Protein backbone atom coordinates (compact mmCIF):
# COMPACT_ATOMS: atom_id res chain seq x y z
CA MET A 1 -18.81 4.57 8.11
CA PRO A 2 -21.46 5.92 5.86
CA PHE A 3 -20.53 6.79 2.11
CA THR A 4 -22.20 9.90 0.48
CA ALA A 5 -22.65 11.47 -2.65
CA THR A 6 -20.61 14.58 -1.21
CA GLY A 7 -17.97 12.08 -0.51
CA TRP A 8 -17.97 10.49 -3.88
CA LYS A 9 -17.71 13.49 -5.67
CA GLY A 10 -14.49 14.87 -3.45
CA ALA A 11 -13.39 11.89 -3.74
CA ALA A 12 -13.09 11.96 -7.59
CA VAL A 13 -12.24 15.58 -8.23
CA GLY A 14 -9.26 15.37 -5.50
CA ALA A 15 -8.43 11.69 -7.61
CA ALA A 16 -8.46 13.69 -11.14
CA VAL A 17 -6.51 17.10 -9.68
CA GLY A 18 -3.96 14.79 -7.76
CA ALA A 19 -3.23 12.50 -10.37
CA ALA A 20 -2.66 15.14 -12.74
CA ALA A 21 -0.93 17.05 -10.45
CA ALA A 22 1.71 14.21 -9.96
CA ARG A 23 2.23 13.85 -13.62
CA ALA A 24 3.08 16.93 -14.08
CA ALA A 25 5.73 17.67 -10.99
CA TYR A 26 7.18 14.56 -12.61
CA ALA A 27 7.63 15.68 -16.08
CA LEU A 28 9.37 19.32 -14.55
CA PRO A 29 12.83 18.86 -15.37
CA GLY A 30 16.01 18.30 -13.77
CA ARG A 31 14.91 14.21 -13.62
CA GLY A 32 18.63 14.13 -16.06
CA PRO A 33 21.83 13.04 -14.12
CA GLY A 34 23.61 15.56 -12.65
CA PRO A 35 24.15 17.51 -9.70
CA GLY A 36 20.48 18.12 -8.59
CA ALA A 37 18.02 20.65 -7.83
CA ALA A 38 19.35 19.62 -3.71
CA GLY A 39 22.91 21.01 -4.32
CA GLY A 40 25.79 20.23 -2.17
CA VAL A 41 23.78 20.62 1.18
CA PHE A 42 21.75 17.21 1.22
CA ARG A 43 24.81 15.38 -0.75
CA VAL A 44 26.20 12.09 1.11
CA ALA A 45 29.26 10.14 -0.79
CA GLU A 46 26.41 7.45 -1.98
CA HIS A 47 25.21 10.03 -3.67
CA SER A 48 28.03 12.75 -4.73
CA ARG A 49 26.73 11.33 -9.05
CA ASP A 50 23.38 12.24 -9.20
CA VAL A 51 21.07 13.69 -5.81
CA TRP A 52 17.75 12.13 -6.63
CA SER A 53 19.44 9.11 -8.48
CA ARG A 54 19.28 5.74 -6.42
CA THR A 55 20.20 1.71 -7.02
CA ASN A 56 17.04 -0.20 -6.98
CA PHE A 57 17.01 -4.39 -5.54
CA ARG A 58 18.19 -5.52 -8.84
CA GLY A 59 20.87 -3.16 -8.96
CA GLU A 60 19.75 -1.21 -11.41
CA GLU A 61 19.06 3.19 -11.67
CA VAL A 62 16.08 4.54 -10.70
CA THR A 63 14.98 8.65 -9.80
CA LEU A 64 13.00 9.35 -6.39
CA LEU A 65 11.23 12.16 -7.47
CA GLU A 66 8.31 9.55 -7.75
CA GLY A 67 8.33 10.49 -4.06
CA PRO A 68 8.12 14.70 -3.89
CA ALA A 69 5.69 14.54 -6.73
CA VAL A 70 3.38 11.69 -5.42
CA ALA A 71 3.43 14.23 -2.80
CA ALA A 72 3.24 16.96 -4.14
CA GLY A 73 -0.23 16.06 -6.60
CA THR A 74 -1.98 14.90 -2.86
CA CYS A 75 -1.23 18.35 -1.79
CA ALA A 76 -2.69 19.81 -5.25
CA GLY A 77 -5.94 17.19 -4.91
CA ILE A 78 -6.94 18.19 -0.87
CA LEU A 79 -6.56 21.95 -1.71
CA ALA A 80 -9.43 21.11 -4.90
CA ALA A 81 -11.49 18.73 -3.36
CA PRO A 82 -14.87 19.63 -2.52
CA GLY A 83 -17.01 19.15 0.59
CA LEU A 84 -13.66 18.76 3.22
CA ASP A 85 -14.34 19.90 6.40
CA ARG A 86 -11.95 22.82 6.86
CA ARG A 87 -10.33 20.80 9.65
CA VAL A 88 -9.58 18.15 7.74
CA ARG A 89 -8.18 19.07 5.19
CA ALA A 90 -5.49 21.54 6.74
CA SER A 91 -4.75 18.34 8.69
CA ALA A 92 -4.21 16.31 5.74
CA LEU A 93 -2.36 18.57 4.42
CA ALA A 94 -0.26 19.30 7.58
CA ALA A 95 -0.02 15.32 7.72
CA THR A 96 1.29 15.00 3.79
CA VAL A 97 4.15 18.06 4.37
CA GLY A 98 5.25 17.39 7.08
CA ALA A 99 6.15 13.74 5.92
CA ALA A 100 6.68 13.95 2.86
CA ALA A 101 9.41 17.09 4.12
CA PHE A 102 11.36 15.25 6.83
CA GLY A 103 10.95 12.29 4.90
CA CYS A 104 13.13 13.41 1.79
CA TYR A 105 15.43 15.39 4.07
CA ASP A 106 15.96 11.46 4.70
CA ASP A 107 16.09 10.68 1.47
CA LEU A 108 18.55 13.33 0.35
CA SER A 109 20.89 13.25 3.31
CA GLY A 110 20.76 9.87 4.80
CA GLY A 111 23.75 7.36 4.03
CA ALA A 112 23.80 3.59 4.59
CA GLY A 113 24.17 3.17 8.02
CA ALA A 114 21.07 2.67 11.10
CA ARG A 115 18.58 1.44 10.28
CA GLY A 116 14.57 0.26 11.97
CA PHE A 117 13.66 2.24 15.28
CA ARG A 118 16.57 -0.07 16.80
CA GLY A 119 19.04 1.32 14.88
CA HIS A 120 18.03 4.74 14.86
CA LEU A 121 17.97 4.17 18.97
CA ALA A 122 20.63 2.96 18.88
CA ALA A 123 23.19 5.35 17.25
CA LEU A 124 21.31 7.62 19.66
CA ALA A 125 22.70 6.23 22.85
CA ARG A 126 26.69 6.14 20.95
CA GLY A 127 26.16 10.10 20.89
CA GLU A 128 24.57 9.75 17.04
CA VAL A 129 22.35 11.95 16.01
CA THR A 130 21.04 9.83 12.62
CA THR A 131 19.11 11.58 9.92
CA GLY A 132 16.74 9.06 9.91
CA ALA A 133 16.31 9.76 13.85
CA VAL A 134 15.47 13.24 13.05
CA LYS A 135 12.84 12.12 10.87
CA ILE A 136 10.88 9.91 13.42
CA ALA A 137 10.80 12.99 15.36
CA GLY A 138 9.88 15.48 12.77
CA ILE A 139 7.52 13.04 11.63
CA GLY A 140 5.90 12.73 14.80
CA GLY A 141 5.93 17.14 16.13
CA THR A 142 4.33 17.16 12.66
CA GLY A 143 1.83 14.46 13.17
CA LEU A 144 0.75 15.66 16.05
CA ALA A 145 0.24 19.33 14.91
CA ALA A 146 -2.22 17.62 12.85
CA ALA A 147 -3.99 15.75 15.46
CA ALA A 148 -4.38 19.02 16.68
CA LEU A 149 -5.57 20.79 13.57
CA LEU A 150 -8.51 18.30 13.98
CA GLY A 151 -9.76 20.15 17.70
CA ARG A 152 -10.27 17.55 19.97
CA ARG A 153 -9.02 16.67 22.97
CA PRO A 154 -5.83 16.44 24.61
CA LEU A 155 -6.57 12.22 24.63
CA ASP A 156 -7.49 12.27 21.11
CA VAL A 157 -4.44 14.73 19.82
CA LEU A 158 -2.18 12.26 21.37
CA VAL A 159 -3.55 9.21 20.00
CA ASP A 160 -3.89 10.81 16.46
CA GLY A 161 -0.08 12.40 16.46
CA ALA A 162 0.65 8.63 17.00
CA LEU A 163 -1.32 6.66 14.54
CA ILE A 164 -0.39 9.35 11.34
CA ALA A 165 3.49 9.00 12.86
CA GLY A 166 2.93 5.07 12.51
CA THR A 167 1.12 5.25 9.50
CA ALA A 168 3.75 7.30 8.27
CA ASN A 169 6.30 4.50 9.39
CA LEU A 170 4.21 1.50 8.12
CA LEU A 171 4.37 2.44 5.43
CA ASN A 172 7.24 3.05 4.44
CA LEU A 173 8.63 -0.63 5.69
CA PHE A 174 6.50 -1.61 2.52
CA ASP A 175 9.17 0.57 -0.03
CA LEU A 176 10.96 -2.35 -0.58
CA ARG A 177 10.09 -3.18 -3.76
CA PRO A 178 8.50 -1.53 -7.26
CA GLY A 179 4.82 -0.84 -6.75
CA ARG A 180 4.19 -2.71 -3.27
CA ALA A 181 3.54 0.57 -1.22
CA ALA A 182 1.51 1.83 -3.72
CA LYS A 183 -0.49 -1.32 -3.84
CA VAL A 184 -0.91 -1.34 -0.09
CA ALA A 185 -1.61 2.70 -0.12
CA LEU A 186 -3.88 2.24 -2.68
CA ALA A 187 -5.63 -0.69 -1.01
CA ALA A 188 -5.74 0.78 2.18
CA GLY A 189 -7.32 4.13 1.02
CA ALA A 190 -10.06 2.17 -0.68
CA PRO A 191 -12.53 2.32 2.44
CA GLY A 192 -12.02 6.26 2.76
CA LEU A 193 -13.38 7.50 -0.25
CA GLY A 194 -16.87 7.80 0.98
CA GLY A 195 -16.43 9.00 4.37
CA PRO A 196 -15.24 12.17 6.15
CA ALA A 197 -11.59 12.24 4.29
CA ALA A 198 -12.96 10.92 1.13
CA GLY A 199 -11.52 14.89 -0.77
CA ALA A 200 -7.73 13.71 0.53
CA VAL A 201 -8.15 9.87 0.76
CA GLY A 202 -8.84 10.45 -3.14
CA ALA A 203 -6.43 13.10 -3.56
CA MET A 204 -3.33 10.13 -2.48
CA CYS A 205 -4.87 7.35 -4.68
CA GLY A 206 -4.87 9.63 -7.29
CA ALA A 207 -1.65 10.62 -7.28
CA ALA A 208 -0.05 6.93 -6.25
CA ALA A 209 -2.11 5.52 -9.60
CA ALA A 210 -0.92 8.01 -11.92
CA LEU A 211 2.51 7.00 -11.32
CA VAL A 212 2.34 3.60 -9.51
CA GLY A 213 3.29 2.53 -13.32
CA GLU A 214 7.14 4.17 -12.90
CA ASP A 215 7.51 2.12 -10.19
CA LEU A 216 6.02 -0.99 -11.25
CA GLY A 217 8.44 -0.51 -14.56
CA GLU A 218 11.47 0.07 -12.07
CA ARG A 219 12.10 3.60 -13.54
CA ALA A 220 11.19 5.63 -10.03
CA MET A 221 10.44 4.74 -6.43
CA LEU A 222 8.45 6.56 -4.06
CA GLY A 223 11.26 6.58 -1.63
CA ASP A 224 10.70 7.98 2.52
CA ALA A 225 9.03 11.22 0.84
CA GLY A 226 6.67 9.91 -0.53
CA ALA A 227 5.83 6.56 1.16
CA ASN A 228 5.90 8.59 4.32
CA ALA A 229 3.73 11.39 3.18
CA MET A 230 1.60 8.76 1.81
CA GLY A 231 0.85 6.65 5.55
CA ALA A 232 0.92 9.91 6.87
CA LEU A 233 -1.85 11.11 5.07
CA LEU A 234 -3.94 7.69 5.58
CA GLY A 235 -3.12 8.50 9.03
CA ALA A 236 -4.60 11.10 9.31
CA ALA A 237 -7.56 10.41 7.03
CA ALA A 238 -8.50 7.62 9.68
CA ALA A 239 -7.96 10.15 12.38
CA ALA A 240 -10.85 12.20 11.34
CA SER A 241 -12.97 9.91 10.22
CA LEU A 242 -13.24 7.13 12.81
CA PRO A 243 -14.49 6.69 16.83
CA ARG A 244 -12.12 6.73 19.39
CA PRO A 245 -12.22 3.11 19.70
CA ALA A 246 -11.37 2.34 16.47
CA ARG A 247 -8.52 4.33 16.29
CA LEU A 248 -7.04 3.21 19.54
CA ALA A 249 -7.55 -0.28 18.01
CA LEU A 250 -5.70 0.70 14.48
CA LEU A 251 -3.13 2.34 16.76
CA ALA A 252 -2.25 -0.57 18.07
CA GLY A 253 -2.12 -2.93 14.91
CA VAL A 254 0.34 -0.19 13.44
CA ALA A 255 2.72 -0.54 16.83
CA GLY A 256 2.72 -4.14 16.61
CA LEU A 257 2.85 -4.90 12.45
CA THR A 258 5.70 -2.28 13.04
CA ALA A 259 7.02 -3.98 16.03
CA ALA A 260 7.06 -7.30 14.17
CA SER A 261 9.17 -5.77 11.42
CA GLU A 262 12.34 -5.06 13.40
CA PHE A 263 12.18 -9.56 14.03
CA VAL A 264 10.13 -10.07 10.25
CA SER A 265 10.37 -9.41 6.93
CA PHE A 266 8.09 -8.47 5.17
CA SER A 267 9.51 -9.15 1.64
CA LYS A 268 9.69 -12.95 2.99
CA VAL A 269 6.18 -13.47 4.90
CA ILE A 270 4.71 -11.49 1.20
CA ALA A 271 7.20 -14.37 -0.98
CA GLY A 272 6.08 -17.25 1.42
CA ASN A 273 2.49 -16.54 0.66
CA ARG A 274 1.06 -17.86 -2.87
CA VAL A 275 -1.90 -14.99 -3.15
CA LEU A 276 0.52 -12.22 -1.37
CA ARG A 277 2.77 -12.91 -3.43
CA ARG A 278 0.86 -12.69 -7.16
CA ILE A 279 -0.13 -9.46 -5.67
CA ASP A 280 3.21 -8.32 -5.03
CA GLU A 281 4.32 -9.52 -8.68
CA ALA A 282 1.27 -8.01 -10.33
CA GLY A 283 2.29 -5.65 -13.41
CA ARG A 284 5.89 -6.11 -12.31
CA ARG A 285 8.37 -6.23 -15.10
């Protein structure tokens, strides 16, 4: 894709605003222990002490507020970035907000039951509607809406909607170790920093970079709200930037990795590769 001065300017402004807004959102009151801003409507037994508090893979307490802060910063950066086509801006915002909203719902309402597509589909077969199933349907719907805002033909809307929802889910599969999902998002977003959606990608990169230290330091985690939002933004940017054959190829890759995750542990694959392991552990305490 062509790299233009306008694209770089949009990316720079989007990144600066995204970073500042993410830091500001993360610093808002309400991060300490207590009943939580969301109140009892979202609370389940595992989250009764603090609706925003979780235990990470090491067994230490972290806050989930990094995710909403990254999503808020990304949206602020998208709104501020110059040079974005109005359709691309609207699509990026819809994808980010929709994925963040349904991801947050699953973060705050979900329990430790069904996991992955197979788990949620199995629960549906038993007549149980899990929060994960609601999230999958919701992100699928908002992904289609975001794709429709690009103003393309029906086939493109279906491809783009699936791509946006697929990348939202795929990035969330990497949010199993501190900083991993943010690193993947930053690496995946780098090629788009000079293209048609540069301002939107820059906003996401700025917001993620501003808080990755909190993630690596094991004080916070992205959760579904943050990882789904960043993944959906990457999908929306790809949908706005790539020709149909490239989007179809990318969608096939996303679908293949998602299917593989049902049988193969990404964490084990990364741990078994020296280069990937070093990248994954870089900056982590």
